[in-house]
Amino acid sequence: MVLKEPKLQSIFGYKDMRDNVDKALDGTGSSKEGAVAEEKSCDEQIVIDHNGTSIAIWRAFISFLMIFSSITYAYFAGFRASSRHEILAMNSMEILFFIDFCVNCITSYPLSPQPNSVPVTDLTKIRQRYYDTTFWRDVIPLIPLQLASFDTFKEDLFWSVKTMRVLRGFEAINVTKWYEWIKK
């Protein structure tokens, strides 16, 4: 897949990656670039930069999805109005939340709150910080309790556990920050 627009190439890092591969194959890359590439471990290569545009778009999408799904789940739990089609759609939405859970385990974070702080890229530290902050608020709604079956048919009430995601969805809405990001 070739991204034609330069802006998209820089957002997804495709152009930079292609240039580095071309230099490596041609042997025209400087020895300094080769040394830096060799020093990075496999763990460091999978870490996602927390300042990247792609992760900002992903987080905005997930925040919207958290708010939307929480309202829908509350409706399912309150009115027990879930059909097979709706349950399938909501469970497929849970796959996106699981992907977000995995992404949060490999996304860097700033060492300090200053604007140009050095990012922490050590996976052990990233996972520990995630565990100490929002891990439990992410993992509890991922448990598929709504798939349980009872004689009293009250399993629809388990949809209400998933509504706790609305907190993270609303926390992500920082109008000033979004306005500055759009203004760029």
C-alpha atoms as a PDB file:
ATOM      1  CA  MET A   1       0.000   0.000   0.000  1.00  0.00           C
ATOM      2  CA  VAL A   2       1.466   3.339  -1.029  1.00  0.00           C
ATOM      3  CA  LEU A   3       0.182   6.433   0.710  1.00  0.00           C
ATOM      4  CA  LYS A   4       0.085   9.218  -1.873  1.00  0.00           C
ATOM      5  CA  GLU A   5      -0.423  12.257   0.338  1.00  0.00           C
ATOM      6  CA  PRO A   6       2.707  13.499   2.178  1.00  0.00           C
ATOM      7  CA  LYS A   7       0.684  14.406   5.271  1.00  0.00           C
ATOM      8  CA  LEU A   8      -0.640  10.851   5.593  1.00  0.00           C
ATOM      9  CA  GLN A   9       2.857   9.507   5.011  1.00  0.00           C
ATOM     10  CA  SER A  10       4.210  11.528   7.910  1.00  0.00           C
ATOM     11  CA  ILE A  11       1.254  10.763  10.206  1.00  0.00           C
ATOM     12  CA  PHE A  12       1.653   7.008   9.886  1.00  0.00           C
ATOM     13  CA  GLY A  13       5.447   7.068   9.630  1.00  0.00           C
ATOM     14  CA  TYR A  14       5.297   5.217   6.318  1.00  0.00           C
ATOM     15  CA  LYS A  15       7.623   7.563   4.432  1.00  0.00           C
ATOM     16  CA  ASP A  16      10.268   7.530   7.177  1.00  0.00           C
ATOM     17  CA  MET A  17      10.116   3.754   7.414  1.00  0.00           C
ATOM     18  CA  ARG A  18      10.409   3.388   3.613  1.00  0.00           C
ATOM     19  CA  ASP A  19      13.380   5.784   3.492  1.00  0.00           C
ATOM     20  CA  ASN A  20      15.185   3.860   6.249  1.00  0.00           C
ATOM     21  CA  VAL A  21      14.591   0.552   4.473  1.00  0.00           C
ATOM     22  CA  ASP A  22      15.797   2.015   1.161  1.00  0.00           C
ATOM     23  CA  LYS A  23      18.953   3.380   2.816  1.00  0.00           C
ATOM     24  CA  ALA A  24      19.637   0.069   4.500  1.00  0.00           C
ATOM     25  CA  LEU A  25      19.246  -1.844   1.229  1.00  0.00           C
ATOM     26  CA  ASP A  26      21.366   0.666  -0.737  1.00  0.00           C
ATOM     27  CA  GLY A  27      24.030   0.839   1.923  1.00  0.00           C
ATOM     28  CA  THR A  28      23.762   4.656   1.785  1.00  0.00           C
ATOM     29  CA  GLY A  29      22.580   5.060   5.344  1.00  0.00           C
ATOM     30  CA  SER A  30      25.114   6.548   7.704  1.00  0.00           C
ATOM     31  CA  SER A  31      26.785   4.332  10.249  1.00  0.00           C
ATOM     32  CA  LYS A  32      25.266   6.437  13.019  1.00  0.00           C
ATOM     33  CA  GLU A  33      21.726   5.594  11.809  1.00  0.00           C
ATOM     34  CA  GLY A  34      22.654   1.912  11.619  1.00  0.00           C
ATOM     35  CA  ALA A  35      24.066   1.964  15.133  1.00  0.00           C
ATOM     36  CA  VAL A  36      20.912   3.566  16.530  1.00  0.00           C
ATOM     37  CA  ALA A  37      18.717   1.038  14.742  1.00  0.00           C
ATOM     38  CA  GLU A  38      20.785  -1.850  16.090  1.00  0.00           C
ATOM     39  CA  GLU A  39      20.642  -0.570  19.678  1.00  0.00           C
ATOM     40  CA  LYS A  40      16.843  -0.687  19.861  1.00  0.00           C
ATOM     41  CA  SER A  41      15.567  -3.920  21.304  1.00  0.00           C
ATOM     42  CA  CYS A  42      12.489  -5.690  20.015  1.00  0.00           C
ATOM     43  CA  ASP A  43      10.537  -4.416  23.042  1.00  0.00           C
ATOM     44  CA  GLU A  44      11.407  -0.796  22.271  1.00  0.00           C
ATOM     45  CA  GLN A  45      10.388  -1.159  18.640  1.00  0.00           C
ATOM     46  CA  ILE A  46       6.776  -2.050  19.481  1.00  0.00           C
ATOM     47  CA  VAL A  47       6.286   0.900  21.841  1.00  0.00           C
ATOM     48  CA  ILE A  48       3.829   3.468  20.457  1.00  0.00           C
ATOM     49  CA  ASP A  49       4.744   7.141  20.861  1.00  0.00           C
ATOM     50  CA  HIS A  50       2.173   8.867  23.071  1.00  0.00           C
ATOM     51  CA  ASN A  51       2.572  12.131  21.088  1.00  0.00           C
ATOM     52  CA  GLY A  52       1.786  10.578  17.702  1.00  0.00           C
ATOM     53  CA  THR A  53      -1.141  11.654  15.587  1.00  0.00           C
ATOM     54  CA  SER A  54      -2.275   8.076  15.037  1.00  0.00           C
ATOM     55  CA  ILE A  55      -2.597   7.410  18.768  1.00  0.00           C
ATOM     56  CA  ALA A  56      -4.446  10.724  19.214  1.00  0.00           C
ATOM     57  CA  ILE A  57      -6.970   9.703  16.556  1.00  0.00           C
ATOM     58  CA  TRP A  58      -7.283   6.233  18.122  1.00  0.00           C
ATOM     59  CA  ARG A  59      -7.883   7.691  21.586  1.00  0.00           C
ATOM     60  CA  ALA A  60     -10.501  10.114  20.255  1.00  0.00           C
ATOM     61  CA  PHE A  61     -12.295   7.237  18.522  1.00  0.00           C
ATOM     62  CA  ILE A  62     -12.148   5.039  21.632  1.00  0.00           C
ATOM     63  CA  SER A  63     -13.379   7.896  23.856  1.00  0.00           C
ATOM     64  CA  PHE A  64     -16.385   8.378  21.594  1.00  0.00           C
ATOM     65  CA  LEU A  65     -16.952   4.616  21.557  1.00  0.00           C
ATOM     66  CA  MET A  66     -16.769   4.466  25.370  1.00  0.00           C
ATOM     67  CA  ILE A  67     -19.472   7.102  25.750  1.00  0.00           C
ATOM     68  CA  PHE A  68     -21.683   5.629  23.007  1.00  0.00           C
ATOM     69  CA  SER A  69     -21.374   2.050  24.232  1.00  0.00           C
ATOM     70  CA  SER A  70     -22.007   3.027  27.862  1.00  0.00           C
ATOM     71  CA  ILE A  71     -25.277   4.678  26.922  1.00  0.00           C
ATOM     72  CA  THR A  72     -26.234   1.666  24.802  1.00  0.00           C
ATOM     73  CA  TYR A  73     -25.278  -0.794  27.543  1.00  0.00           C
ATOM     74  CA  ALA A  74     -27.322   1.157  30.092  1.00  0.00           C
ATOM     75  CA  TYR A  75     -30.294   0.936  27.718  1.00  0.00           C
ATOM     76  CA  PHE A  76     -29.800  -2.829  27.333  1.00  0.00           C
ATOM     77  CA  ALA A  77     -29.578  -3.321  31.092  1.00  0.00           C
ATOM     78  CA  GLY A  78     -32.466  -1.012  31.967  1.00  0.00           C
ATOM     79  CA  PHE A  79     -34.992  -2.057  29.348  1.00  0.00           C
ATOM     80  CA  ARG A  80     -33.661  -5.537  28.564  1.00  0.00           C
ATOM     81  CA  ALA A  81     -34.117  -4.652  24.940  1.00  0.00           C
ATOM     82  CA  SER A  82     -31.175  -6.518  23.492  1.00  0.00           C
ATOM     83  CA  SER A  83     -31.729  -8.699  20.454  1.00  0.00           C
ATOM     84  CA  ARG A  84     -29.262 -11.200  18.982  1.00  0.00           C
ATOM     85  CA  HIS A  85     -28.202  -8.683  16.336  1.00  0.00           C
ATOM     86  CA  GLU A  86     -27.561  -5.953  18.919  1.00  0.00           C
ATOM     87  CA  ILE A  87     -25.646  -8.340  21.180  1.00  0.00           C
ATOM     88  CA  LEU A  88     -23.447  -9.379  18.257  1.00  0.00           C
ATOM     89  CA  ALA A  89     -22.764  -5.721  17.397  1.00  0.00           C
ATOM     90  CA  MET A  90     -21.919  -4.880  20.994  1.00  0.00           C
ATOM     91  CA  ASN A  91     -19.680  -7.913  21.427  1.00  0.00           C
ATOM     92  CA  SER A  92     -17.826  -6.965  18.246  1.00  0.00           C
ATOM     93  CA  MET A  93     -17.377  -3.505  19.783  1.00  0.00           C
ATOM     94  CA  GLU A  94     -15.787  -5.251  22.760  1.00  0.00           C
ATOM     95  CA  ILE A  95     -13.040  -6.445  20.408  1.00  0.00           C
ATOM     96  CA  LEU A  96     -12.110  -2.790  19.818  1.00  0.00           C
ATOM     97  CA  PHE A  97     -11.938  -2.249  23.569  1.00  0.00           C
ATOM     98  CA  PHE A  98      -9.667  -5.274  23.895  1.00  0.00           C
ATOM     99  CA  ILE A  99      -7.402  -3.828  21.185  1.00  0.00           C
ATOM    100  CA  ASP A 100      -7.359  -0.547  23.124  1.00  0.00           C
ATOM    101  CA  PHE A 101      -6.447  -2.490  26.259  1.00  0.00           C
ATOM    102  CA  CYS A 102      -3.463  -3.991  24.400  1.00  0.00           C
ATOM    103  CA  VAL A 103      -2.483  -0.612  22.901  1.00  0.00           C
ATOM    104  CA  ASN A 104      -2.448   0.945  26.371  1.00  0.00           C
ATOM    105  CA  CYS A 105       0.059  -1.712  27.454  1.00  0.00           C
ATOM    106  CA  ILE A 106       2.569  -0.575  24.809  1.00  0.00           C
ATOM    107  CA  THR A 107       2.032   3.201  24.590  1.00  0.00           C
ATOM    108  CA  SER A 108       4.800   5.375  26.004  1.00  0.00           C
ATOM    109  CA  TYR A 109       4.099   8.107  28.538  1.00  0.00           C
ATOM    110  CA  PRO A 110       5.893  11.353  29.456  1.00  0.00           C
ATOM    111  CA  LEU A 111       8.382  11.177  32.293  1.00  0.00           C
ATOM    112  CA  SER A 112       7.133  14.503  33.662  1.00  0.00           C
ATOM    113  CA  PRO A 113       4.154  16.765  32.938  1.00  0.00           C
ATOM    114  CA  GLN A 114       6.335  19.345  31.117  1.00  0.00           C
ATOM    115  CA  PRO A 115       5.519  19.750  27.400  1.00  0.00           C
ATOM    116  CA  ASN A 116       8.822  18.396  25.996  1.00  0.00           C
ATOM    117  CA  SER A 117       9.408  15.658  28.523  1.00  0.00           C
ATOM    118  CA  VAL A 118      11.346  12.534  27.630  1.00  0.00           C
ATOM    119  CA  PRO A 119       8.997   9.607  26.944  1.00  0.00           C
ATOM    120  CA  VAL A 120       9.298   6.410  28.960  1.00  0.00           C
ATOM    121  CA  THR A 121       9.690   3.516  26.498  1.00  0.00           C
ATOM    122  CA  ASP A 122      10.510   0.662  28.871  1.00  0.00           C
ATOM    123  CA  LEU A 123       7.660  -1.851  28.549  1.00  0.00           C
ATOM    124  CA  THR A 124       7.925  -2.940  32.175  1.00  0.00           C
ATOM    125  CA  LYS A 125       7.500   0.646  33.382  1.00  0.00           C
ATOM    126  CA  ILE A 126       4.700   1.296  30.895  1.00  0.00           C
ATOM    127  CA  ARG A 127       2.768  -1.759  32.035  1.00  0.00           C
ATOM    128  CA  GLN A 128       3.342  -0.971  35.716  1.00  0.00           C
ATOM    129  CA  ARG A 129       2.073   2.579  35.251  1.00  0.00           C
ATOM    130  CA  TYR A 130      -0.965   1.291  33.358  1.00  0.00           C
ATOM    131  CA  TYR A 131      -1.628  -1.231  36.123  1.00  0.00           C
ATOM    132  CA  ASP A 132      -1.391   1.548  38.720  1.00  0.00           C
ATOM    133  CA  THR A 133      -3.714   3.934  36.853  1.00  0.00           C
ATOM    134  CA  THR A 134      -6.580   2.778  34.596  1.00  0.00           C
ATOM    135  CA  PHE A 135      -5.947  -0.956  34.204  1.00  0.00           C
ATOM    136  CA  TRP A 136      -8.807  -2.078  36.441  1.00  0.00           C
ATOM    137  CA  ARG A 137     -11.242   0.374  34.889  1.00  0.00           C
ATOM    138  CA  ASP A 138     -10.397  -1.181  31.518  1.00  0.00           C
ATOM    139  CA  VAL A 139     -10.238  -4.874  32.407  1.00  0.00           C
ATOM    140  CA  ILE A 140     -13.424  -5.211  34.503  1.00  0.00           C
ATOM    141  CA  PRO A 141     -15.748  -4.163  31.648  1.00  0.00           C
ATOM    142  CA  LEU A 142     -13.890  -6.542  29.322  1.00  0.00           C
ATOM    143  CA  ILE A 143     -15.056  -9.580  31.313  1.00  0.00           C
ATOM    144  CA  PRO A 144     -17.947 -11.050  29.255  1.00  0.00           C
ATOM    145  CA  LEU A 145     -20.428 -11.436  32.120  1.00  0.00           C
ATOM    146  CA  GLN A 146     -23.331 -10.657  29.782  1.00  0.00           C
ATOM    147  CA  LEU A 147     -22.743 -14.000  28.056  1.00  0.00           C
ATOM    148  CA  ALA A 148     -23.580 -15.924  31.228  1.00  0.00           C
ATOM    149  CA  SER A 149     -26.877 -17.779  31.284  1.00  0.00           C
ATOM    150  CA  PHE A 150     -29.178 -17.979  34.290  1.00  0.00           C
ATOM    151  CA  ASP A 151     -32.555 -19.577  34.903  1.00  0.00           C
ATOM    152  CA  THR A 152     -34.030 -16.205  35.846  1.00  0.00           C
ATOM    153  CA  PHE A 153     -32.871 -14.542  32.568  1.00  0.00           C
ATOM    154  CA  LYS A 154     -31.197 -11.654  34.397  1.00  0.00           C
ATOM    155  CA  GLU A 155     -27.950 -11.782  32.414  1.00  0.00           C
ATOM    156  CA  ASP A 156     -28.945  -8.538  30.650  1.00  0.00           C
ATOM    157  CA  LEU A 157     -28.233  -6.737  33.915  1.00  0.00           C
ATOM    158  CA  PHE A 158     -24.517  -7.473  33.461  1.00  0.00           C
ATOM    159  CA  TRP A 159     -24.459  -4.931  30.630  1.00  0.00           C
ATOM    160  CA  SER A 160     -24.536  -2.268  33.360  1.00  0.00           C
ATOM    161  CA  VAL A 161     -20.999  -3.269  34.472  1.00  0.00           C
ATOM    162  CA  LYS A 162     -19.723  -2.045  31.125  1.00  0.00           C
ATOM    163  CA  THR A 163     -21.169   1.434  31.680  1.00  0.00           C
ATOM    164  CA  MET A 164     -18.204   2.293  33.910  1.00  0.00           C
ATOM    165  CA  ARG A 165     -16.326   3.093  30.685  1.00  0.00           C
ATOM    166  CA  VAL A 166     -18.254   6.332  30.452  1.00  0.00           C
ATOM    167  CA  LEU A 167     -15.915   7.789  33.112  1.00  0.00           C
ATOM    168  CA  ARG A 168     -12.834   7.327  30.932  1.00  0.00           C
ATOM    169  CA  GLY A 169     -14.733   8.584  27.911  1.00  0.00           C
ATOM    170  CA  PHE A 170     -15.633  11.861  29.587  1.00  0.00           C
ATOM    171  CA  GLU A 171     -12.163  12.233  31.139  1.00  0.00           C
ATOM    172  CA  ALA A 172     -10.677  12.289  27.659  1.00  0.00           C
ATOM    173  CA  ILE A 173     -12.798  15.232  26.598  1.00  0.00           C
ATOM    174  CA  ASN A 174     -10.525  18.198  27.141  1.00  0.00           C
ATOM    175  CA  VAL A 175     -11.978  20.856  24.864  1.00  0.00           C
ATOM    176  CA  THR A 176      -8.948  23.143  25.052  1.00  0.00           C
ATOM    177  CA  LYS A 177      -6.556  20.355  24.141  1.00  0.00           C
ATOM    178  CA  TRP A 178      -8.765  19.159  21.283  1.00  0.00           C
ATOM    179  CA  TYR A 179      -9.089  22.700  19.934  1.00  0.00           C
ATOM    180  CA  GLU A 180      -5.303  23.159  19.958  1.00  0.00           C
ATOM    181  CA  TRP A 181      -4.849  19.788  18.228  1.00  0.00           C
ATOM    182  CA  ILE A 182      -7.403  20.667  15.510  1.00  0.00           C
ATOM    183  CA  LYS A 183      -5.873  24.112  15.096  1.00  0.00           C
ATOM    184  CA  LYS A 184      -2.482  22.566  14.203  1.00  0.00           C
END
